[in-house]
PDB file of N, CA and C in Angstrom:
ATOM      1  N   UNK A   1       8.373  15.758 -17.565  1.00  0.00           N
ATOM      2  CA  UNK A   1       8.182  16.258 -16.223  1.00  0.00           C
ATOM      3  C   UNK A   1       7.627  15.168 -15.329  1.00  0.00           C
ATOM      4  N   UNK A   2       8.058  15.139 -14.071  1.00  0.00           N
ATOM      5  CA  UNK A   2       7.602  14.133 -13.119  1.00  0.00           C
ATOM      6  C   UNK A   2       6.271  14.503 -12.506  1.00  0.00           C
ATOM      7  N   UNK A   3       5.635  13.533 -11.920  1.00  0.00           N
ATOM      8  CA  UNK A   3       4.376  13.737 -11.226  1.00  0.00           C
ATOM      9  C   UNK A   3       4.671  14.149  -9.794  1.00  0.00           C
ATOM     10  N   UNK A   4       4.017  15.210  -9.329  1.00  0.00           N
ATOM     11  CA  UNK A   4       4.248  15.636  -7.950  1.00  0.00           C
ATOM     12  C   UNK A   4       3.442  14.782  -6.985  1.00  0.00           C
ATOM     13  N   UNK A   5       4.000  14.546  -5.806  1.00  0.00           N
ATOM     14  CA  UNK A   5       3.350  13.732  -4.778  1.00  0.00           C
ATOM     15  C   UNK A   5       2.850  14.594  -3.632  1.00  0.00           C
ATOM     16  N   UNK A   6       2.456  15.805  -3.916  1.00  0.00           N
ATOM     17  CA  UNK A   6       1.970  16.702  -2.879  1.00  0.00           C
ATOM     18  C   UNK A   6       1.006  17.697  -3.499  1.00  0.00           C
ATOM     19  N   UNK A   7       0.286  18.383  -2.649  1.00  0.00           N
ATOM     20  CA  UNK A   7      -0.611  19.439  -3.107  1.00  0.00           C
ATOM     21  C   UNK A   7      -0.426  20.653  -2.199  1.00  0.00           C
ATOM     22  N   UNK A   8      -0.613  21.847  -2.750  1.00  0.00           N
ATOM     23  CA  UNK A   8      -0.471  23.085  -1.983  1.00  0.00           C
ATOM     24  C   UNK A   8      -1.776  23.394  -1.264  1.00  0.00           C
ATOM     25  N   UNK A   9      -1.665  23.822  -0.018  1.00  0.00           N
ATOM     26  CA  UNK A   9      -2.833  24.177   0.780  1.00  0.00           C
ATOM     27  C   UNK A   9      -2.825  25.669   1.093  1.00  0.00           C
ATOM     28  N   UNK A  10      -3.454  26.468   0.270  1.00  0.00           N
ATOM     29  CA  UNK A  10      -3.642  27.873   0.565  1.00  0.00           C
ATOM     30  C   UNK A  10      -2.401  28.732   0.436  1.00  0.00           C
ATOM     31  N   UNK A  11      -2.478  29.945   0.993  1.00  0.00           N
ATOM     32  CA  UNK A  11      -1.448  30.961   0.854  1.00  0.00           C
ATOM     33  C   UNK A  11      -0.167  30.638   1.604  1.00  0.00           C
ATOM     34  N   UNK A  12      -0.239  29.811   2.627  1.00  0.00           N
ATOM     35  CA  UNK A  12       0.939  29.523   3.442  1.00  0.00           C
ATOM     36  C   UNK A  12       1.892  28.533   2.783  1.00  0.00           C
ATOM     37  N   UNK A  13       1.525  28.023   1.595  1.00  0.00           N
ATOM     38  CA  UNK A  13       2.364  27.069   0.883  1.00  0.00           C
ATOM     39  C   UNK A  13       2.708  25.846   1.725  1.00  0.00           C
ATOM     40  N   UNK A  14       1.768  25.385   2.502  1.00  0.00           N
ATOM     41  CA  UNK A  14       1.955  24.143   3.245  1.00  0.00           C
ATOM     42  C   UNK A  14       1.678  22.991   2.290  1.00  0.00           C
ATOM     43  N   UNK A  15       2.363  21.880   2.490  1.00  0.00           N
ATOM     44  CA  UNK A  15       2.212  20.753   1.590  1.00  0.00           C
ATOM     45  C   UNK A  15       1.677  19.539   2.339  1.00  0.00           C
ATOM     46  N   UNK A  16       0.902  18.751   1.635  1.00  0.00           N
ATOM     47  CA  UNK A  16       0.395  17.499   2.178  1.00  0.00           C
ATOM     48  C   UNK A  16       0.627  16.414   1.126  1.00  0.00           C
ATOM     49  N   UNK A  17       1.070  15.268   1.559  1.00  0.00           N
ATOM     50  CA  UNK A  17       1.340  14.169   0.639  1.00  0.00           C
ATOM     51  C   UNK A  17       0.036  13.625   0.070  1.00  0.00           C
ATOM     52  N   UNK A  18       0.041  13.290  -1.217  1.00  0.00           N
ATOM     53  CA  UNK A  18      -1.121  12.670  -1.833  1.00  0.00           C
ATOM     54  C   UNK A  18      -0.869  11.191  -2.097  1.00  0.00           C
ATOM     55  N   UNK A  19       0.252  10.669  -1.613  1.00  0.00           N
ATOM     56  CA  UNK A  19       0.540   9.245  -1.739  1.00  0.00           C
ATOM     57  C   UNK A  19      -0.458   8.478  -0.881  1.00  0.00           C
ATOM     58  N   UNK A  20      -0.936   7.371  -1.393  1.00  0.00           N
ATOM     59  CA  UNK A  20      -1.908   6.573  -0.667  1.00  0.00           C
ATOM     60  C   UNK A  20      -1.291   6.011   0.605  1.00  0.00           C
ATOM     61  N   UNK A  21      -2.070   5.974   1.678  1.00  0.00           N
ATOM     62  CA  UNK A  21      -1.609   5.403   2.938  1.00  0.00           C
ATOM     63  C   UNK A  21      -1.888   3.913   3.009  1.00  0.00           C
ATOM     64  N   UNK A  22      -2.911   3.442   2.271  1.00  0.00           N
ATOM     65  CA  UNK A  22      -3.272   2.026   2.308  1.00  0.00           C
ATOM     66  C   UNK A  22      -3.989   1.648   1.021  1.00  0.00           C
ATOM     67  N   UNK A  23      -3.957   0.353   0.721  1.00  0.00           N
ATOM     68  CA  UNK A  23      -4.566  -0.185  -0.491  1.00  0.00           C
ATOM     69  C   UNK A  23      -5.438  -1.375  -0.139  1.00  0.00           C
ATOM     70  N   UNK A  24      -6.489  -1.574  -0.924  1.00  0.00           N
ATOM     71  CA  UNK A  24      -7.284  -2.794  -0.769  1.00  0.00           C
ATOM     72  C   UNK A  24      -6.439  -3.963  -1.266  1.00  0.00           C
ATOM     73  N   UNK A  25      -6.869  -5.170  -0.963  1.00  0.00           N
ATOM     74  CA  UNK A  25      -6.138  -6.347  -1.434  1.00  0.00           C
ATOM     75  C   UNK A  25      -6.083  -6.366  -2.960  1.00  0.00           C
ATOM     76  N   UNK A  26      -7.192  -6.035  -3.608  1.00  0.00           N
ATOM     77  CA  UNK A  26      -7.218  -6.027  -5.072  1.00  0.00           C
ATOM     78  C   UNK A  26      -6.292  -4.961  -5.646  1.00  0.00           C
ATOM     79  N   UNK A  27      -6.288  -3.769  -5.052  1.00  0.00           N
ATOM     80  CA  UNK A  27      -5.399  -2.706  -5.528  1.00  0.00           C
ATOM     81  C   UNK A  27      -3.933  -3.096  -5.359  1.00  0.00           C
ATOM     82  N   UNK A  28      -3.597  -3.660  -4.209  1.00  0.00           N
ATOM     83  CA  UNK A  28      -2.217  -4.076  -3.960  1.00  0.00           C
ATOM     84  C   UNK A  28      -1.805  -5.189  -4.925  1.00  0.00           C
ATOM     85  N   UNK A  29      -2.718  -6.099  -5.221  1.00  0.00           N
ATOM     86  CA  UNK A  29      -2.421  -7.181  -6.154  1.00  0.00           C
ATOM     87  C   UNK A  29      -2.111  -6.629  -7.547  1.00  0.00           C
ATOM     88  N   UNK A  30      -2.882  -5.654  -7.991  1.00  0.00           N
ATOM     89  CA  UNK A  30      -2.629  -5.030  -9.297  1.00  0.00           C
ATOM     90  C   UNK A  30      -1.265  -4.339  -9.294  1.00  0.00           C
ATOM     91  N   UNK A  31      -0.961  -3.605  -8.223  1.00  0.00           N
ATOM     92  CA  UNK A  31       0.331  -2.913  -8.132  1.00  0.00           C
ATOM     93  C   UNK A  31       1.507  -3.881  -8.203  1.00  0.00           C
ATOM     94  N   UNK A  32       1.359  -5.053  -7.573  1.00  0.00           N
ATOM     95  CA  UNK A  32       2.448  -6.031  -7.518  1.00  0.00           C
ATOM     96  C   UNK A  32       2.433  -7.021  -8.673  1.00  0.00           C
ATOM     97  N   UNK A  33       1.338  -7.057  -9.412  1.00  0.00           N
ATOM     98  CA  UNK A  33       1.236  -8.002 -10.516  1.00  0.00           C
ATOM     99  C   UNK A  33       1.026  -9.438 -10.064  1.00  0.00           C
ATOM    100  N   UNK A  34       0.328  -9.603  -8.949  1.00  0.00           N
ATOM    101  CA  UNK A  34       0.014 -10.937  -8.417  1.00  0.00           C
ATOM    102  C   UNK A  34      -1.489 -11.020  -8.198  1.00  0.00           C
ATOM    103  N   UNK A  35      -1.966 -12.200  -7.845  1.00  0.00           N
ATOM    104  CA  UNK A  35      -3.394 -12.361  -7.581  1.00  0.00           C
ATOM    105  C   UNK A  35      -3.725 -11.953  -6.143  1.00  0.00           C
ATOM    106  N   UNK A  36      -4.962 -11.538  -5.898  1.00  0.00           N
ATOM    107  CA  UNK A  36      -5.381 -11.268  -4.522  1.00  0.00           C
ATOM    108  C   UNK A  36      -5.207 -12.492  -3.619  1.00  0.00           C
ATOM    109  N   UNK A  37      -5.437 -13.692  -4.164  1.00  0.00           N
ATOM    110  CA  UNK A  37      -5.265 -14.913  -3.359  1.00  0.00           C
ATOM    111  C   UNK A  37      -3.813 -15.096  -2.932  1.00  0.00           C
ATOM    112  N   UNK A  38      -2.864 -14.704  -3.773  1.00  0.00           N
ATOM    113  CA  UNK A  38      -1.451 -14.790  -3.387  1.00  0.00           C
ATOM    114  C   UNK A  38      -1.188 -13.915  -2.155  1.00  0.00           C
ATOM    115  N   UNK A  39      -1.752 -12.718  -2.147  1.00  0.00           N
ATOM    116  CA  UNK A  39      -1.564 -11.828  -0.993  1.00  0.00           C
ATOM    117  C   UNK A  39      -2.247 -12.397   0.250  1.00  0.00           C
ATOM    118  N   UNK A  40      -3.403 -12.990   0.084  1.00  0.00           N
ATOM    119  CA  UNK A  40      -4.083 -13.620   1.231  1.00  0.00           C
ATOM    120  C   UNK A  40      -3.237 -14.774   1.779  1.00  0.00           C
ATOM    121  N   UNK A  41      -2.642 -15.564   0.872  1.00  0.00           N
ATOM    122  CA  UNK A  41      -1.771 -16.658   1.308  1.00  0.00           C
ATOM    123  C   UNK A  41      -0.545 -16.126   2.042  1.00  0.00           C
ATOM    124  N   UNK A  42       0.024 -15.045   1.557  1.00  0.00           N
ATOM    125  CA  UNK A  42       1.175 -14.438   2.225  1.00  0.00           C
ATOM    126  C   UNK A  42       0.794 -13.943   3.618  1.00  0.00           C
ATOM    127  N   UNK A  43      -0.417 -13.445   3.760  1.00  0.00           N
ATOM    128  CA  UNK A  43      -0.906 -13.028   5.073  1.00  0.00           C
ATOM    129  C   UNK A  43      -1.049 -14.227   6.000  1.00  0.00           C
ATOM    130  N   UNK A  44      -1.601 -15.314   5.494  1.00  0.00           N
ATOM    131  CA  UNK A  44      -1.771 -16.542   6.284  1.00  0.00           C
ATOM    132  C   UNK A  44      -0.417 -17.083   6.747  1.00  0.00           C
ATOM    133  N   UNK A  45       0.598 -16.992   5.891  1.00  0.00           N
ATOM    134  CA  UNK A  45       1.945 -17.461   6.222  1.00  0.00           C
ATOM    135  C   UNK A  45       2.683 -16.501   7.170  1.00  0.00           C
ATOM    136  N   UNK A  46       2.107 -15.306   7.395  1.00  0.00           N
ATOM    137  CA  UNK A  46       2.739 -14.333   8.278  1.00  0.00           C
ATOM    138  C   UNK A  46       3.751 -13.444   7.580  1.00  0.00           C
ATOM    139  N   UNK A  47       3.751 -13.443   6.253  1.00  0.00           N
ATOM    140  CA  UNK A  47       4.711 -12.637   5.496  1.00  0.00           C
ATOM    141  C   UNK A  47       4.205 -11.239   5.171  1.00  0.00           C
ATOM    142  N   UNK A  48       2.897 -11.016   5.298  1.00  0.00           N
ATOM    143  CA  UNK A  48       2.284  -9.735   4.951  1.00  0.00           C
ATOM    144  C   UNK A  48       1.150  -9.467   5.933  1.00  0.00           C
ATOM    145  N   UNK A  49       1.161  -8.284   6.540  1.00  0.00           N
ATOM    146  CA  UNK A  49       0.152  -7.949   7.538  1.00  0.00           C
ATOM    147  C   UNK A  49      -0.969  -7.125   6.916  1.00  0.00           C
ATOM    148  N   UNK A  50      -2.191  -7.472   7.275  1.00  0.00           N
ATOM    149  CA  UNK A  50      -3.371  -6.717   6.861  1.00  0.00           C
ATOM    150  C   UNK A  50      -3.885  -5.917   8.057  1.00  0.00           C
ATOM    151  N   UNK A  51      -4.598  -4.838   7.770  1.00  0.00           N
ATOM    152  CA  UNK A  51      -5.305  -4.091   8.815  1.00  0.00           C
ATOM    153  C   UNK A  51      -6.775  -4.043   8.425  1.00  0.00           C
ATOM    154  N   UNK A  52      -7.624  -3.991   9.414  1.00  0.00           N
ATOM    155  CA  UNK A  52      -9.061  -3.955   9.161  1.00  0.00           C
ATOM    156  C   UNK A  52      -9.561  -2.529   9.378  1.00  0.00           C
ATOM    157  N   UNK A  53     -10.336  -2.051   8.408  1.00  0.00           N
ATOM    158  CA  UNK A  53     -10.964  -0.740   8.502  1.00  0.00           C
ATOM    159  C   UNK A  53     -12.467  -0.978   8.553  1.00  0.00           C
ATOM    160  N   UNK A  54     -13.043  -0.778   9.709  1.00  0.00           N
ATOM    161  CA  UNK A  54     -14.460  -1.085   9.866  1.00  0.00           C
ATOM    162  C   UNK A  54     -14.654  -2.582  10.056  1.00  0.00           C
ATOM    163  N   UNK A  55     -15.840  -3.056   9.771  1.00  0.00           N
ATOM    164  CA  UNK A  55     -16.149  -4.467   9.990  1.00  0.00           C
ATOM    165  C   UNK A  55     -15.663  -5.368   8.865  1.00  0.00           C
ATOM    166  N   UNK A  56     -15.646  -4.867   7.631  1.00  0.00           N
ATOM    167  CA  UNK A  56     -15.378  -5.754   6.502  1.00  0.00           C
ATOM    168  C   UNK A  56     -14.174  -5.375   5.660  1.00  0.00           C
ATOM    169  N   UNK A  57     -13.809  -4.125   5.606  1.00  0.00           N
ATOM    170  CA  UNK A  57     -12.763  -3.680   4.679  1.00  0.00           C
ATOM    171  C   UNK A  57     -11.379  -4.046   5.216  1.00  0.00           C
ATOM    172  N   UNK A  58     -10.613  -4.759   4.397  1.00  0.00           N
ATOM    173  CA  UNK A  58      -9.253  -5.162   4.755  1.00  0.00           C
ATOM    174  C   UNK A  58      -8.291  -4.383   3.876  1.00  0.00           C
ATOM    175  N   UNK A  59      -7.286  -3.786   4.504  1.00  0.00           N
ATOM    176  CA  UNK A  59      -6.322  -2.949   3.795  1.00  0.00           C
ATOM    177  C   UNK A  59      -4.897  -3.402   4.065  1.00  0.00           C
ATOM    178  N   UNK A  60      -4.009  -3.008   3.165  1.00  0.00           N
ATOM    179  CA  UNK A  60      -2.577  -3.213   3.353  1.00  0.00           C
ATOM    180  C   UNK A  60      -1.964  -1.816   3.337  1.00  0.00           C
ATOM    181  N   UNK A  61      -1.286  -1.445   4.411  1.00  0.00           N
ATOM    182  CA  UNK A  61      -0.706  -0.103   4.468  1.00  0.00           C
ATOM    183  C   UNK A  61       0.451   0.020   3.480  1.00  0.00           C
ATOM    184  N   UNK A  62       0.700   1.243   3.044  1.00  0.00           N
ATOM    185  CA  UNK A  62       1.811   1.510   2.131  1.00  0.00           C
ATOM    186  C   UNK A  62       3.129   1.070   2.759  1.00  0.00           C
ATOM    187  N   UNK A  63       3.298   1.348   4.042  1.00  0.00           N
ATOM    188  CA  UNK A  63       4.519   0.968   4.754  1.00  0.00           C
ATOM    189  C   UNK A  63       4.698  -0.548   4.760  1.00  0.00           C
ATOM    190  N   UNK A  64       3.627  -1.291   5.025  1.00  0.00           N
ATOM    191  CA  UNK A  64       3.702  -2.754   5.048  1.00  0.00           C
ATOM    192  C   UNK A  64       3.972  -3.307   3.653  1.00  0.00           C
ATOM    193  N   UNK A  65       3.366  -2.719   2.647  1.00  0.00           N
ATOM    194  CA  UNK A  65       3.595  -3.167   1.273  1.00  0.00           C
ATOM    195  C   UNK A  65       5.056  -2.966   0.874  1.00  0.00           C
ATOM    196  N   UNK A  66       5.628  -1.833   1.232  1.00  0.00           N
ATOM    197  CA  UNK A  66       7.040  -1.570   0.936  1.00  0.00           C
ATOM    198  C   UNK A  66       7.958  -2.519   1.719  1.00  0.00           C
ATOM    199  N   UNK A  67       7.621  -2.802   2.979  1.00  0.00           N
ATOM    200  CA  UNK A  67       8.412  -3.742   3.780  1.00  0.00           C
ATOM    201  C   UNK A  67       8.384  -5.128   3.147  1.00  0.00           C
ATOM    202  N   UNK A  68       7.208  -5.547   2.719  1.00  0.00           N
ATOM    203  CA  UNK A  68       7.051  -6.845   2.082  1.00  0.00           C
ATOM    204  C   UNK A  68       7.895  -6.917   0.799  1.00  0.00           C
ATOM    205  N   UNK A  69       7.847  -5.876  -0.010  1.00  0.00           N
ATOM    206  CA  UNK A  69       8.608  -5.868  -1.257  1.00  0.00           C
ATOM    207  C   UNK A  69      10.114  -5.929  -1.011  1.00  0.00           C
ATOM    208  N   UNK A  70      10.584  -5.241   0.019  1.00  0.00           N
ATOM    209  CA  UNK A  70      12.017  -5.274   0.329  1.00  0.00           C
ATOM    210  C   UNK A  70      12.463  -6.679   0.684  1.00  0.00           C
ATOM    211  N   UNK A  71      11.587  -7.484   1.235  1.00  0.00           N
ATOM    212  CA  UNK A  71      11.913  -8.861   1.597  1.00  0.00           C
ATOM    213  C   UNK A  71      11.845  -9.819   0.418  1.00  0.00           C
ATOM    214  N   UNK A  72      11.385  -9.330  -0.733  1.00  0.00           N
ATOM    215  CA  UNK A  72      11.212 -10.177  -1.911  1.00  0.00           C
ATOM    216  C   UNK A  72      12.351 -10.018  -2.923  1.00  0.00           C
ATOM    217  N   UNK A  73      13.455  -9.423  -2.537  1.00  0.00           N
ATOM    218  CA  UNK A  73      14.572  -9.179  -3.443  1.00  0.00           C
ATOM    219  C   UNK A  73      15.185 -10.513  -3.873  1.00  0.00           C
ATOM    220  N   UNK A  74      15.375 -10.680  -5.173  1.00  0.00           N
ATOM    221  CA  UNK A  74      15.978 -11.884  -5.728  1.00  0.00           C
ATOM    222  C   UNK A  74      17.441 -11.595  -6.012  1.00  0.00           C
ATOM    223  N   UNK A  75      18.305 -12.465  -5.523  1.00  0.00           N
ATOM    224  CA  UNK A  75      19.748 -12.256  -5.732  1.00  0.00           C
ATOM    225  C   UNK A  75      20.277 -13.214  -6.756  1.00  0.00           C
TER     226      UNK A  75
END
């Protein structure tokens, strides 16, 4: 059986996605199998965009991570 990506909210059977909207640099590095420094270098080169949450926390949105991966296709 597959893992569901949603949860039920009450009697109305409304659904909300439980997929993450953003990842820390370390989390994204683990997902991609690369080092956090590689992702920082990709950001410096303009290949991957980071967003800041608060004063110190840097995140990579799920949408940006997927866009970056689509550009990494090896032919």
